[in-house]
Amino acid sequence: MNLNFDFEQYTPPKITEEKLTLLAERRREVRQLLLLTASSHLLFIALGLAAFLAAPYSMALSVLFLSVLALWLAGTGVIAVVFTRKQLEKREAHTLFNLLS
């Protein structure tokens, strides 16, 4: 019988328990971030709808809902920029470390 694959040619990468737990933690964090983002978007939609529905009854309440929505959107934008910059700095440091070693 002819073998099509030579499994002894390469050694598999060494995976430790620490690497596996780190990978599981990262996946858990990504899941949590996705849930947080989805819930945040649902709350944005709810505030917009509440402002729209409250407008015929109380314009002040509608303006309050819209101002809270605007502040919340601005805050999440700032957080997104800060988070992205930190992630880019980590990648640049990691790339620089790999180049130096």
Protein backbone atom coordinates (compact mmCIF):
# COMPACT_ATOMS: atom_id res chain seq x y z
CA MET A 1 0.00 0.00 0.00
CA ASN A 2 1.41 3.40 -0.99
CA LEU A 3 1.20 6.23 1.53
CA ASN A 4 0.18 9.55 0.06
CA PHE A 5 1.10 11.58 3.12
CA ASP A 6 4.29 11.62 5.13
CA PHE A 7 3.18 12.36 8.68
CA GLU A 8 6.66 12.03 10.10
CA GLN A 9 8.08 14.88 8.02
CA TYR A 10 6.94 17.73 10.30
CA THR A 11 6.50 17.94 14.03
CA PRO A 12 3.23 19.45 15.27
CA PRO A 13 3.36 22.78 17.10
CA LYS A 14 3.79 22.53 20.84
CA ILE A 15 0.64 23.65 22.60
CA THR A 16 0.70 24.01 26.33
CA GLU A 17 -2.16 24.23 28.77
CA GLU A 18 -1.31 27.89 29.31
CA LYS A 19 -1.73 28.65 25.60
CA LEU A 20 -5.03 26.80 25.49
CA THR A 21 -6.42 28.64 28.52
CA LEU A 22 -5.25 31.96 27.02
CA LEU A 23 -7.02 31.11 23.78
CA ALA A 24 -10.20 30.17 25.67
CA GLU A 25 -10.06 33.45 27.64
CA ARG A 26 -9.66 35.47 24.44
CA ARG A 27 -12.62 33.72 22.86
CA ARG A 28 -14.69 34.36 26.00
CA GLU A 29 -13.73 38.05 25.89
CA VAL A 30 -14.71 38.28 22.22
CA ARG A 31 -18.07 36.68 22.99
CA GLN A 32 -18.64 39.12 25.85
CA LEU A 33 -17.71 42.08 23.64
CA LEU A 34 -20.13 40.93 20.95
CA LEU A 35 -22.94 40.60 23.49
CA LEU A 36 -22.12 44.01 24.93
CA THR A 37 -22.10 45.57 21.47
CA ALA A 38 -25.41 43.95 20.53
CA SER A 39 -27.08 45.08 23.76
CA SER A 40 -25.67 48.58 23.31
CA HIS A 41 -27.12 48.82 19.81
CA LEU A 42 -30.49 47.60 21.04
CA LEU A 43 -30.45 50.30 23.72
CA PHE A 44 -29.58 52.94 21.10
CA ILE A 45 -32.57 51.84 19.06
CA ALA A 46 -34.79 51.84 22.14
CA LEU A 47 -33.75 55.38 23.08
CA GLY A 48 -34.38 56.60 19.53
CA LEU A 49 -37.81 54.97 19.46
CA ALA A 50 -38.63 56.33 22.91
CA ALA A 51 -37.73 59.84 21.74
CA PHE A 52 -39.88 59.41 18.64
CA LEU A 53 -42.84 58.06 20.59
CA ALA A 54 -42.58 60.65 23.38
CA ALA A 55 -42.49 63.63 20.98
CA PRO A 56 -46.27 64.07 20.62
CA TYR A 57 -46.76 64.02 24.39
CA SER A 58 -43.72 65.79 25.80
CA MET A 59 -41.14 67.52 23.66
CA ALA A 60 -38.86 68.03 26.67
CA LEU A 61 -38.78 64.30 27.36
CA SER A 62 -38.08 63.61 23.70
CA VAL A 63 -35.19 66.09 23.70
CA LEU A 64 -33.89 64.48 26.89
CA PHE A 65 -33.94 61.03 25.25
CA LEU A 66 -32.16 62.38 22.17
CA SER A 67 -29.53 64.19 24.24
CA VAL A 68 -28.84 61.03 26.28
CA LEU A 69 -28.57 59.12 23.00
CA ALA A 70 -26.15 61.70 21.56
CA LEU A 71 -23.96 61.68 24.68
CA TRP A 72 -23.97 57.90 24.76
CA LEU A 73 -22.99 57.68 21.09
CA ALA A 74 -20.18 60.18 21.62
CA GLY A 75 -18.93 58.26 24.64
CA THR A 76 -18.90 54.94 22.82
CA GLY A 77 -17.08 56.60 19.92
CA VAL A 78 -14.36 57.86 22.25
CA ILE A 79 -14.06 54.45 23.89
CA ALA A 80 -13.81 52.79 20.47
CA VAL A 81 -11.01 55.16 19.41
CA VAL A 82 -9.05 54.61 22.64
CA PHE A 83 -9.50 50.82 22.44
CA THR A 84 -8.42 50.77 18.79
CA ARG A 85 -5.31 52.83 19.51
CA LYS A 86 -4.31 50.52 22.36
CA GLN A 87 -4.80 47.47 20.16
CA LEU A 88 -2.71 49.06 17.39
CA GLU A 89 0.05 49.90 19.87
CA LYS A 90 0.05 46.30 21.08
CA ARG A 91 0.31 45.01 17.52
CA GLU A 92 3.11 47.45 16.69
CA ALA A 93 5.01 46.46 19.84
CA HIS A 94 4.46 42.78 19.07
CA THR A 95 5.65 43.25 15.48
CA LEU A 96 8.68 45.21 16.63
CA PHE A 97 9.48 42.49 19.19
CA ASN A 98 9.26 39.83 16.49
CA LEU A 99 11.57 41.83 14.22
CA LEU A 100 14.15 42.28 16.94
CA SER A 101 14.21 38.63 17.99
